[in-house]
Amino acid sequence: MSTKFLVTDEKTDGFKLEDILTAIRNDMILRASKIMGDNRPEAIAVMNNNIKILGYLAESIDLARSSTDILDKAFGPHDADVPRIGKA
């Protein structure tokens, strides 16, 4: 089974998790900038939710980068033919 977005042995053109999360974060910031001047209660609630989500994304990006660093230090660069951890 192959992933839709992430790099795997079968999906060598996939993305690193931290890269996907960063792209989502950047999209959210652009979208949020369009509603920041809207003072209706619904817009404020959505903006507050987005701010919380952005915080979770920032934490998730840090965790994903940490995992990449751990794998790089322990096993070196990813080789498409051999998984660094887990089953093939």
PDB file of N, CA and C in Angstrom:
ATOM      1  N   MET A   1       0.849  -1.176   0.000  1.00  0.00           N
ATOM      2  CA  MET A   1       0.000   0.000   0.000  1.00  0.00           C
ATOM      3  C   MET A   1       0.897   1.243   0.000  1.00  0.00           C
ATOM      4  N   SER A   2       0.556   2.207  -0.810  1.00  0.00           N
ATOM      5  CA  SER A   2       1.348   3.428  -0.907  1.00  0.00           C
ATOM      6  C   SER A   2       0.562   4.612  -0.357  1.00  0.00           C
ATOM      7  N   THR A   3       1.282   5.616   0.064  1.00  0.00           N
ATOM      8  CA  THR A   3       0.637   6.816   0.578  1.00  0.00           C
ATOM      9  C   THR A   3       0.211   7.716  -0.573  1.00  0.00           C
ATOM     10  N   LYS A   4      -0.643   8.682  -0.287  1.00  0.00           N
ATOM     11  CA  LYS A   4      -1.083   9.648  -1.301  1.00  0.00           C
ATOM     12  C   LYS A   4      -0.134  10.825  -1.399  1.00  0.00           C
ATOM     13  N   PHE A   5       0.478  11.217  -0.292  1.00  0.00           N
ATOM     14  CA  PHE A   5       1.257  12.448  -0.251  1.00  0.00           C
ATOM     15  C   PHE A   5       2.708  12.259   0.202  1.00  0.00           C
ATOM     16  N   LEU A   6       2.940  11.338   1.118  1.00  0.00           N
ATOM     17  CA  LEU A   6       4.250  11.213   1.754  1.00  0.00           C
ATOM     18  C   LEU A   6       5.197  10.320   0.966  1.00  0.00           C
ATOM     19  N   VAL A   7       6.497  10.582   1.126  1.00  0.00           N
ATOM     20  CA  VAL A   7       7.528   9.776   0.479  1.00  0.00           C
ATOM     21  C   VAL A   7       7.498   8.359   1.047  1.00  0.00           C
ATOM     22  N   THR A   8       7.504   7.384   0.168  1.00  0.00           N
ATOM     23  CA  THR A   8       7.672   5.979   0.536  1.00  0.00           C
ATOM     24  C   THR A   8       8.550   5.337  -0.532  1.00  0.00           C
ATOM     25  N   ASP A   9       8.888   4.074  -0.340  1.00  0.00           N
ATOM     26  CA  ASP A   9       9.662   3.361  -1.349  1.00  0.00           C
ATOM     27  C   ASP A   9       8.915   3.335  -2.683  1.00  0.00           C
ATOM     28  N   GLU A  10       7.587   3.193  -2.610  1.00  0.00           N
ATOM     29  CA  GLU A  10       6.779   3.149  -3.826  1.00  0.00           C
ATOM     30  C   GLU A  10       6.488   4.538  -4.374  1.00  0.00           C
ATOM     31  N   LYS A  11       6.461   5.532  -3.517  1.00  0.00           N
ATOM     32  CA  LYS A  11       6.120   6.907  -3.924  1.00  0.00           C
ATOM     33  C   LYS A  11       7.334   7.803  -3.675  1.00  0.00           C
ATOM     34  N   THR A  12       8.296   7.674  -4.538  1.00  0.00           N
ATOM     35  CA  THR A  12       9.544   8.425  -4.363  1.00  0.00           C
ATOM     36  C   THR A  12       9.382   9.911  -4.655  1.00  0.00           C
ATOM     37  N   ASP A  13       8.297  10.284  -5.333  1.00  0.00           N
ATOM     38  CA  ASP A  13       8.048  11.699  -5.620  1.00  0.00           C
ATOM     39  C   ASP A  13       7.167  12.357  -4.559  1.00  0.00           C
ATOM     40  N   GLY A  14       6.974  11.655  -3.429  1.00  0.00           N
ATOM     41  CA  GLY A  14       6.157  12.202  -2.353  1.00  0.00           C
ATOM     42  C   GLY A  14       6.873  13.309  -1.606  1.00  0.00           C
ATOM     43  N   PHE A  15       6.217  13.813  -0.588  1.00  0.00           N
ATOM     44  CA  PHE A  15       6.718  14.944   0.188  1.00  0.00           C
ATOM     45  C   PHE A  15       7.057  14.520   1.610  1.00  0.00           C
ATOM     46  N   LYS A  16       7.950  15.271   2.236  1.00  0.00           N
ATOM     47  CA  LYS A  16       8.190  15.109   3.666  1.00  0.00           C
ATOM     48  C   LYS A  16       6.989  15.677   4.411  1.00  0.00           C
ATOM     49  N   LEU A  17       6.673  15.069   5.540  1.00  0.00           N
ATOM     50  CA  LEU A  17       5.538  15.519   6.340  1.00  0.00           C
ATOM     51  C   LEU A  17       5.672  16.996   6.698  1.00  0.00           C
ATOM     52  N   GLU A  18       6.876  17.408   7.110  1.00  0.00           N
ATOM     53  CA  GLU A  18       7.055  18.801   7.515  1.00  0.00           C
ATOM     54  C   GLU A  18       6.825  19.765   6.356  1.00  0.00           C
ATOM     55  N   ASP A  19       7.101  19.332   5.132  1.00  0.00           N
ATOM     56  CA  ASP A  19       6.873  20.198   3.974  1.00  0.00           C
ATOM     57  C   ASP A  19       5.380  20.372   3.691  1.00  0.00           C
ATOM     58  N   ILE A  20       4.619  19.291   3.831  1.00  0.00           N
ATOM     59  CA  ILE A  20       3.168  19.381   3.638  1.00  0.00           C
ATOM     60  C   ILE A  20       2.544  20.264   4.714  1.00  0.00           C
ATOM     61  N   LEU A  21       2.933  20.043   5.962  1.00  0.00           N
ATOM     62  CA  LEU A  21       2.378  20.836   7.060  1.00  0.00           C
ATOM     63  C   LEU A  21       2.732  22.312   6.910  1.00  0.00           C
ATOM     64  N   THR A  22       3.935  22.608   6.443  1.00  0.00           N
ATOM     65  CA  THR A  22       4.348  24.000   6.230  1.00  0.00           C
ATOM     66  C   THR A  22       3.515  24.638   5.126  1.00  0.00           C
ATOM     67  N   ALA A  23       3.254  23.907   4.060  1.00  0.00           N
ATOM     68  CA  ALA A  23       2.423  24.438   2.969  1.00  0.00           C
ATOM     69  C   ALA A  23       1.007  24.719   3.456  1.00  0.00           C
ATOM     70  N   ILE A  24       0.460  23.822   4.266  1.00  0.00           N
ATOM     71  CA  ILE A  24      -0.879  24.033   4.828  1.00  0.00           C
ATOM     72  C   ILE A  24      -0.875  25.256   5.733  1.00  0.00           C
ATOM     73  N   ARG A  25       0.145  25.374   6.573  1.00  0.00           N
ATOM     74  CA  ARG A  25       0.247  26.545   7.457  1.00  0.00           C
ATOM     75  C   ARG A  25       0.269  27.832   6.649  1.00  0.00           C
ATOM     76  N   ASN A  26       1.085  27.862   5.591  1.00  0.00           N
ATOM     77  CA  ASN A  26       1.186  29.064   4.772  1.00  0.00           C
ATOM     78  C   ASN A  26      -0.141  29.404   4.094  1.00  0.00           C
ATOM     79  N   ASP A  27      -0.851  28.384   3.607  1.00  0.00           N
ATOM     80  CA  ASP A  27      -2.165  28.609   3.009  1.00  0.00           C
ATOM     81  C   ASP A  27      -3.139  29.176   4.034  1.00  0.00           C
ATOM     82  N   MET A  28      -3.099  28.636   5.240  1.00  0.00           N
ATOM     83  CA  MET A  28      -4.011  29.125   6.283  1.00  0.00           C
ATOM     84  C   MET A  28      -3.728  30.576   6.630  1.00  0.00           C
ATOM     85  N   ILE A  29      -2.453  30.942   6.690  1.00  0.00           N
ATOM     86  CA  ILE A  29      -2.106  32.327   7.004  1.00  0.00           C
ATOM     87  C   ILE A  29      -2.633  33.262   5.920  1.00  0.00           C
ATOM     88  N   LEU A  30      -2.461  32.885   4.658  1.00  0.00           N
ATOM     89  CA  LEU A  30      -2.991  33.708   3.559  1.00  0.00           C
ATOM     90  C   LEU A  30      -4.504  33.830   3.645  1.00  0.00           C
ATOM     91  N   ARG A  31      -5.172  32.729   3.883  1.00  0.00           N
ATOM     92  CA  ARG A  31      -6.631  32.748   3.974  1.00  0.00           C
ATOM     93  C   ARG A  31      -7.093  33.571   5.176  1.00  0.00           C
ATOM     94  N   ALA A  32      -6.398  33.427   6.297  1.00  0.00           N
ATOM     95  CA  ALA A  32      -6.778  34.169   7.505  1.00  0.00           C
ATOM     96  C   ALA A  32      -6.608  35.669   7.308  1.00  0.00           C
ATOM     97  N   SER A  33      -5.605  36.062   6.525  1.00  0.00           N
ATOM     98  CA  SER A  33      -5.385  37.493   6.310  1.00  0.00           C
ATOM     99  C   SER A  33      -6.562  38.143   5.598  1.00  0.00           C
ATOM    100  N   LYS A  34      -7.357  37.360   4.885  1.00  0.00           N
ATOM    101  CA  LYS A  34      -8.513  37.895   4.167  1.00  0.00           C
ATOM    102  C   LYS A  34      -9.691  38.178   5.090  1.00  0.00           C
ATOM    103  N   ILE A  35      -9.701  37.561   6.264  1.00  0.00           N
ATOM    104  CA  ILE A  35     -10.845  37.775   7.179  1.00  0.00           C
ATOM    105  C   ILE A  35     -10.460  38.550   8.426  1.00  0.00           C
ATOM    106  N   MET A  36      -9.196  38.971   8.535  1.00  0.00           N
ATOM    107  CA  MET A  36      -8.769  39.606   9.785  1.00  0.00           C
ATOM    108  C   MET A  36      -9.461  40.934  10.065  1.00  0.00           C
ATOM    109  N   GLY A  37     -10.006  41.579   9.056  1.00  0.00           N
ATOM    110  CA  GLY A  37     -10.713  42.836   9.295  1.00  0.00           C
ATOM    111  C   GLY A  37     -12.201  42.674   9.482  1.00  0.00           C
ATOM    112  N   ASP A  38     -12.686  41.454   9.427  1.00  0.00           N
ATOM    113  CA  ASP A  38     -14.116  41.169   9.565  1.00  0.00           C
ATOM    114  C   ASP A  38     -14.424  40.991  11.054  1.00  0.00           C
ATOM    115  N   ASN A  39     -15.218  41.886  11.596  1.00  0.00           N
ATOM    116  CA  ASN A  39     -15.505  41.858  13.037  1.00  0.00           C
ATOM    117  C   ASN A  39     -16.808  41.162  13.393  1.00  0.00           C
ATOM    118  N   ARG A  40     -17.410  40.476  12.438  1.00  0.00           N
ATOM    119  CA  ARG A  40     -18.622  39.723  12.777  1.00  0.00           C
ATOM    120  C   ARG A  40     -18.235  38.547  13.678  1.00  0.00           C
ATOM    121  N   PRO A  41     -19.146  38.153  14.545  1.00  0.00           N
ATOM    122  CA  PRO A  41     -18.834  37.070  15.494  1.00  0.00           C
ATOM    123  C   PRO A  41     -18.377  35.783  14.811  1.00  0.00           C
ATOM    124  N   GLU A  42     -18.960  35.459  13.676  1.00  0.00           N
ATOM    125  CA  GLU A  42     -18.589  34.234  12.978  1.00  0.00           C
ATOM    126  C   GLU A  42     -17.142  34.308  12.479  1.00  0.00           C
ATOM    127  N   ALA A  43     -16.775  35.458  11.934  1.00  0.00           N
ATOM    128  CA  ALA A  43     -15.403  35.630  11.439  1.00  0.00           C
ATOM    129  C   ALA A  43     -14.403  35.595  12.593  1.00  0.00           C
ATOM    130  N   ILE A  44     -14.754  36.195  13.700  1.00  0.00           N
ATOM    131  CA  ILE A  44     -13.878  36.177  14.871  1.00  0.00           C
ATOM    132  C   ILE A  44     -13.707  34.745  15.381  1.00  0.00           C
ATOM    133  N   ALA A  45     -14.808  33.978  15.414  1.00  0.00           N
ATOM    134  CA  ALA A  45     -14.724  32.584  15.865  1.00  0.00           C
ATOM    135  C   ALA A  45     -13.837  31.766  14.932  1.00  0.00           C
ATOM    136  N   VAL A  46     -13.991  31.969  13.631  1.00  0.00           N
ATOM    137  CA  VAL A  46     -13.169  31.245  12.660  1.00  0.00           C
ATOM    138  C   VAL A  46     -11.705  31.647  12.817  1.00  0.00           C
ATOM    139  N   MET A  47     -11.445  32.939  12.987  1.00  0.00           N
ATOM    140  CA  MET A  47     -10.066  33.406  13.160  1.00  0.00           C
ATOM    141  C   MET A  47      -9.459  32.812  14.430  1.00  0.00           C
ATOM    142  N   ASN A  48     -10.207  32.785  15.504  1.00  0.00           N
ATOM    143  CA  ASN A  48      -9.698  32.193  16.741  1.00  0.00           C
ATOM    144  C   ASN A  48      -9.396  30.699  16.564  1.00  0.00           C
ATOM    145  N   ASN A  49     -10.279  29.996  15.844  1.00  0.00           N
ATOM    146  CA  ASN A  49     -10.014  28.576  15.555  1.00  0.00           C
ATOM    147  C   ASN A  49      -8.749  28.423  14.723  1.00  0.00           C
ATOM    148  N   ASN A  50      -8.597  29.277  13.709  1.00  0.00           N
ATOM    149  CA  ASN A  50      -7.416  29.210  12.853  1.00  0.00           C
ATOM    150  C   ASN A  50      -6.138  29.454  13.644  1.00  0.00           C
ATOM    151  N   ILE A  51      -6.185  30.385  14.569  1.00  0.00           N
ATOM    152  CA  ILE A  51      -5.007  30.674  15.396  1.00  0.00           C
ATOM    153  C   ILE A  51      -4.623  29.436  16.211  1.00  0.00           C
ATOM    154  N   LYS A  52      -5.605  28.751  16.773  1.00  0.00           N
ATOM    155  CA  LYS A  52      -5.316  27.521  17.517  1.00  0.00           C
ATOM    156  C   LYS A  52      -4.740  26.447  16.599  1.00  0.00           C
ATOM    157  N   ILE A  53      -5.348  26.288  15.430  1.00  0.00           N
ATOM    158  CA  ILE A  53      -4.867  25.290  14.472  1.00  0.00           C
ATOM    159  C   ILE A  53      -3.440  25.610  14.052  1.00  0.00           C
ATOM    160  N   LEU A  54      -3.139  26.889  13.814  1.00  0.00           N
ATOM    161  CA  LEU A  54      -1.783  27.286  13.434  1.00  0.00           C
ATOM    162  C   LEU A  54      -0.776  26.920  14.521  1.00  0.00           C
ATOM    163  N   GLY A  55      -1.179  27.052  15.779  1.00  0.00           N
ATOM    164  CA  GLY A  55      -0.310  26.634  16.880  1.00  0.00           C
ATOM    165  C   GLY A  55      -0.043  25.143  16.851  1.00  0.00           C
ATOM    166  N   TYR A  56      -1.099  24.367  16.609  1.00  0.00           N
ATOM    167  CA  TYR A  56      -0.919  22.919  16.505  1.00  0.00           C
ATOM    168  C   TYR A  56      -0.039  22.557  15.309  1.00  0.00           C
ATOM    169  N   LEU A  57      -0.233  23.269  14.199  1.00  0.00           N
ATOM    170  CA  LEU A  57       0.605  23.017  13.026  1.00  0.00           C
ATOM    171  C   LEU A  57       2.072  23.326  13.316  1.00  0.00           C
ATOM    172  N   ALA A  58       2.325  24.430  14.015  1.00  0.00           N
ATOM    173  CA  ALA A  58       3.712  24.783  14.353  1.00  0.00           C
ATOM    174  C   ALA A  58       4.353  23.674  15.188  1.00  0.00           C
ATOM    175  N   GLU A  59       3.616  23.159  16.162  1.00  0.00           N
ATOM    176  CA  GLU A  59       4.132  22.053  16.980  1.00  0.00           C
ATOM    177  C   GLU A  59       4.356  20.806  16.131  1.00  0.00           C
ATOM    178  N   SER A  60       3.422  20.530  15.227  1.00  0.00           N
ATOM    179  CA  SER A  60       3.528  19.345  14.374  1.00  0.00           C
ATOM    180  C   SER A  60       4.710  19.456  13.418  1.00  0.00           C
ATOM    181  N   ILE A  61       4.946  20.640  12.879  1.00  0.00           N
ATOM    182  CA  ILE A  61       6.093  20.855  12.000  1.00  0.00           C
ATOM    183  C   ILE A  61       7.385  20.599  12.758  1.00  0.00           C
ATOM    184  N   ASP A  62       7.470  21.116  13.971  1.00  0.00           N
ATOM    185  CA  ASP A  62       8.665  20.883  14.794  1.00  0.00           C
ATOM    186  C   ASP A  62       8.876  19.386  15.062  1.00  0.00           C
ATOM    187  N   LEU A  63       7.794  18.681  15.379  1.00  0.00           N
ATOM    188  CA  LEU A  63       7.902  17.243  15.635  1.00  0.00           C
ATOM    189  C   LEU A  63       8.333  16.478  14.381  1.00  0.00           C
ATOM    190  N   ALA A  64       7.761  16.831  13.237  1.00  0.00           N
ATOM    191  CA  ALA A  64       8.121  16.157  11.988  1.00  0.00           C
ATOM    192  C   ALA A  64       9.586  16.405  11.641  1.00  0.00           C
ATOM    193  N   ARG A  65      10.047  17.640  11.832  1.00  0.00           N
ATOM    194  CA  ARG A  65      11.461  17.950  11.577  1.00  0.00           C
ATOM    195  C   ARG A  65      12.362  17.169  12.531  1.00  0.00           C
ATOM    196  N   SER A  66      11.938  17.053  13.775  1.00  0.00           N
ATOM    197  CA  SER A  66      12.710  16.300  14.753  1.00  0.00           C
ATOM    198  C   SER A  66      12.835  14.840  14.329  1.00  0.00           C
ATOM    199  N   SER A  67      11.731  14.260  13.859  1.00  0.00           N
ATOM    200  CA  SER A  67      11.778  12.862  13.400  1.00  0.00           C
ATOM    201  C   SER A  67      12.722  12.707  12.222  1.00  0.00           C
ATOM    202  N   THR A  68      12.685  13.637  11.288  1.00  0.00           N
ATOM    203  CA  THR A  68      13.596  13.585  10.140  1.00  0.00           C
ATOM    204  C   THR A  68      15.035  13.678  10.608  1.00  0.00           C
ATOM    205  N   ASP A  69      15.309  14.593  11.542  1.00  0.00           N
ATOM    206  CA  ASP A  69      16.665  14.737  12.079  1.00  0.00           C
ATOM    207  C   ASP A  69      17.138  13.452  12.769  1.00  0.00           C
ATOM    208  N   ILE A  70      16.256  12.841  13.550  1.00  0.00           N
ATOM    209  CA  ILE A  70      16.594  11.597  14.247  1.00  0.00           C
ATOM    210  C   ILE A  70      16.961  10.517  13.233  1.00  0.00           C
ATOM    211  N   LEU A  71      16.139  10.353  12.203  1.00  0.00           N
ATOM    212  CA  LEU A  71      16.402   9.329  11.189  1.00  0.00           C
ATOM    213  C   LEU A  71      17.676   9.629  10.416  1.00  0.00           C
ATOM    214  N   ASP A  72      17.896  10.895  10.066  1.00  0.00           N
ATOM    215  CA  ASP A  72      19.114  11.262   9.335  1.00  0.00           C
ATOM    216  C   ASP A  72      20.368  10.973  10.158  1.00  0.00           C
ATOM    217  N   LYS A  73      20.327  11.312  11.447  1.00  0.00           N
ATOM    218  CA  LYS A  73      21.495  11.087  12.312  1.00  0.00           C
ATOM    219  C   LYS A  73      21.739   9.602  12.554  1.00  0.00           C
ATOM    220  N   ALA A  74      20.675   8.845  12.737  1.00  0.00           N
ATOM    221  CA  ALA A  74      20.813   7.432  13.073  1.00  0.00           C
ATOM    222  C   ALA A  74      21.134   6.557  11.859  1.00  0.00           C
ATOM    223  N   PHE A  75      20.530   6.898  10.702  1.00  0.00           N
ATOM    224  CA  PHE A  75      20.620   5.984   9.566  1.00  0.00           C
ATOM    225  C   PHE A  75      21.118   6.638   8.276  1.00  0.00           C
ATOM    226  N   GLY A  76      21.427   7.903   8.306  1.00  0.00           N
ATOM    227  CA  GLY A  76      21.884   8.588   7.106  1.00  0.00           C
ATOM    228  C   GLY A  76      20.736   8.936   6.174  1.00  0.00           C
ATOM    229  N   PRO A  77      21.082   9.420   4.994  1.00  0.00           N
ATOM    230  CA  PRO A  77      20.047   9.816   4.037  1.00  0.00           C
ATOM    231  C   PRO A  77      19.170   8.642   3.633  1.00  0.00           C
ATOM    232  N   HIS A  78      17.944   8.945   3.277  1.00  0.00           N
ATOM    233  CA  HIS A  78      16.994   7.920   2.866  1.00  0.00           C
ATOM    234  C   HIS A  78      17.427   7.309   1.545  1.00  0.00           C
ATOM    235  N   ASP A  79      17.429   5.980   1.493  1.00  0.00           N
ATOM    236  CA  ASP A  79      17.709   5.235   0.272  1.00  0.00           C
ATOM    237  C   ASP A  79      16.385   4.658  -0.211  1.00  0.00           C
ATOM    238  N   ALA A  80      16.001   4.937  -1.442  1.00  0.00           N
ATOM    239  CA  ALA A  80      14.715   4.510  -1.954  1.00  0.00           C
ATOM    240  C   ALA A  80      14.534   2.997  -1.918  1.00  0.00           C
ATOM    241  N   ASP A  81      15.619   2.247  -1.905  1.00  0.00           N
ATOM    242  CA  ASP A  81      15.528   0.792  -1.947  1.00  0.00           C
ATOM    243  C   ASP A  81      15.435   0.130  -0.575  1.00  0.00           C
ATOM    244  N   VAL A  82      15.787   0.856   0.480  1.00  0.00           N
ATOM    245  CA  VAL A  82      15.815   0.269   1.815  1.00  0.00           C
ATOM    246  C   VAL A  82      15.175   1.224   2.824  1.00  0.00           C
ATOM    247  N   PRO A  83      14.113   0.793   3.503  1.00  0.00           N
ATOM    248  CA  PRO A  83      13.535   1.664   4.531  1.00  0.00           C
ATOM    249  C   PRO A  83      14.503   1.830   5.695  1.00  0.00           C
ATOM    250  N   ARG A  84      14.525   3.019   6.274  1.00  0.00           N
ATOM    251  CA  ARG A  84      15.427   3.261   7.403  1.00  0.00           C
ATOM    252  C   ARG A  84      14.904   2.597   8.665  1.00  0.00           C
ATOM    253  N   ILE A  85      13.616   2.588   8.832  1.00  0.00           N
ATOM    254  CA  ILE A  85      12.982   1.887   9.958  1.00  0.00           C
ATOM    255  C   ILE A  85      11.699   1.244   9.462  1.00  0.00           C
ATOM    256  N   GLY A  86      11.176   0.328  10.203  1.00  0.00           N
ATOM    257  CA  GLY A  86       9.925  -0.327   9.830  1.00  0.00           C
ATOM    258  C   GLY A  86      10.146  -1.441   8.827  1.00  0.00           C
ATOM    259  N   LYS A  87       9.031  -1.970   8.343  1.00  0.00           N
ATOM    260  CA  LYS A  87       9.065  -3.090   7.405  1.00  0.00           C
ATOM    261  C   LYS A  87       9.051  -2.585   5.976  1.00  0.00           C
ATOM    262  N   ALA A  88       9.668  -3.354   5.116  1.00  0.00           N
ATOM    263  CA  ALA A  88       9.709  -3.009   3.684  1.00  0.00           C
ATOM    264  C   ALA A  88       8.371  -3.263   3.036  1.00  0.00           C
TER     265      ALA A  88
END
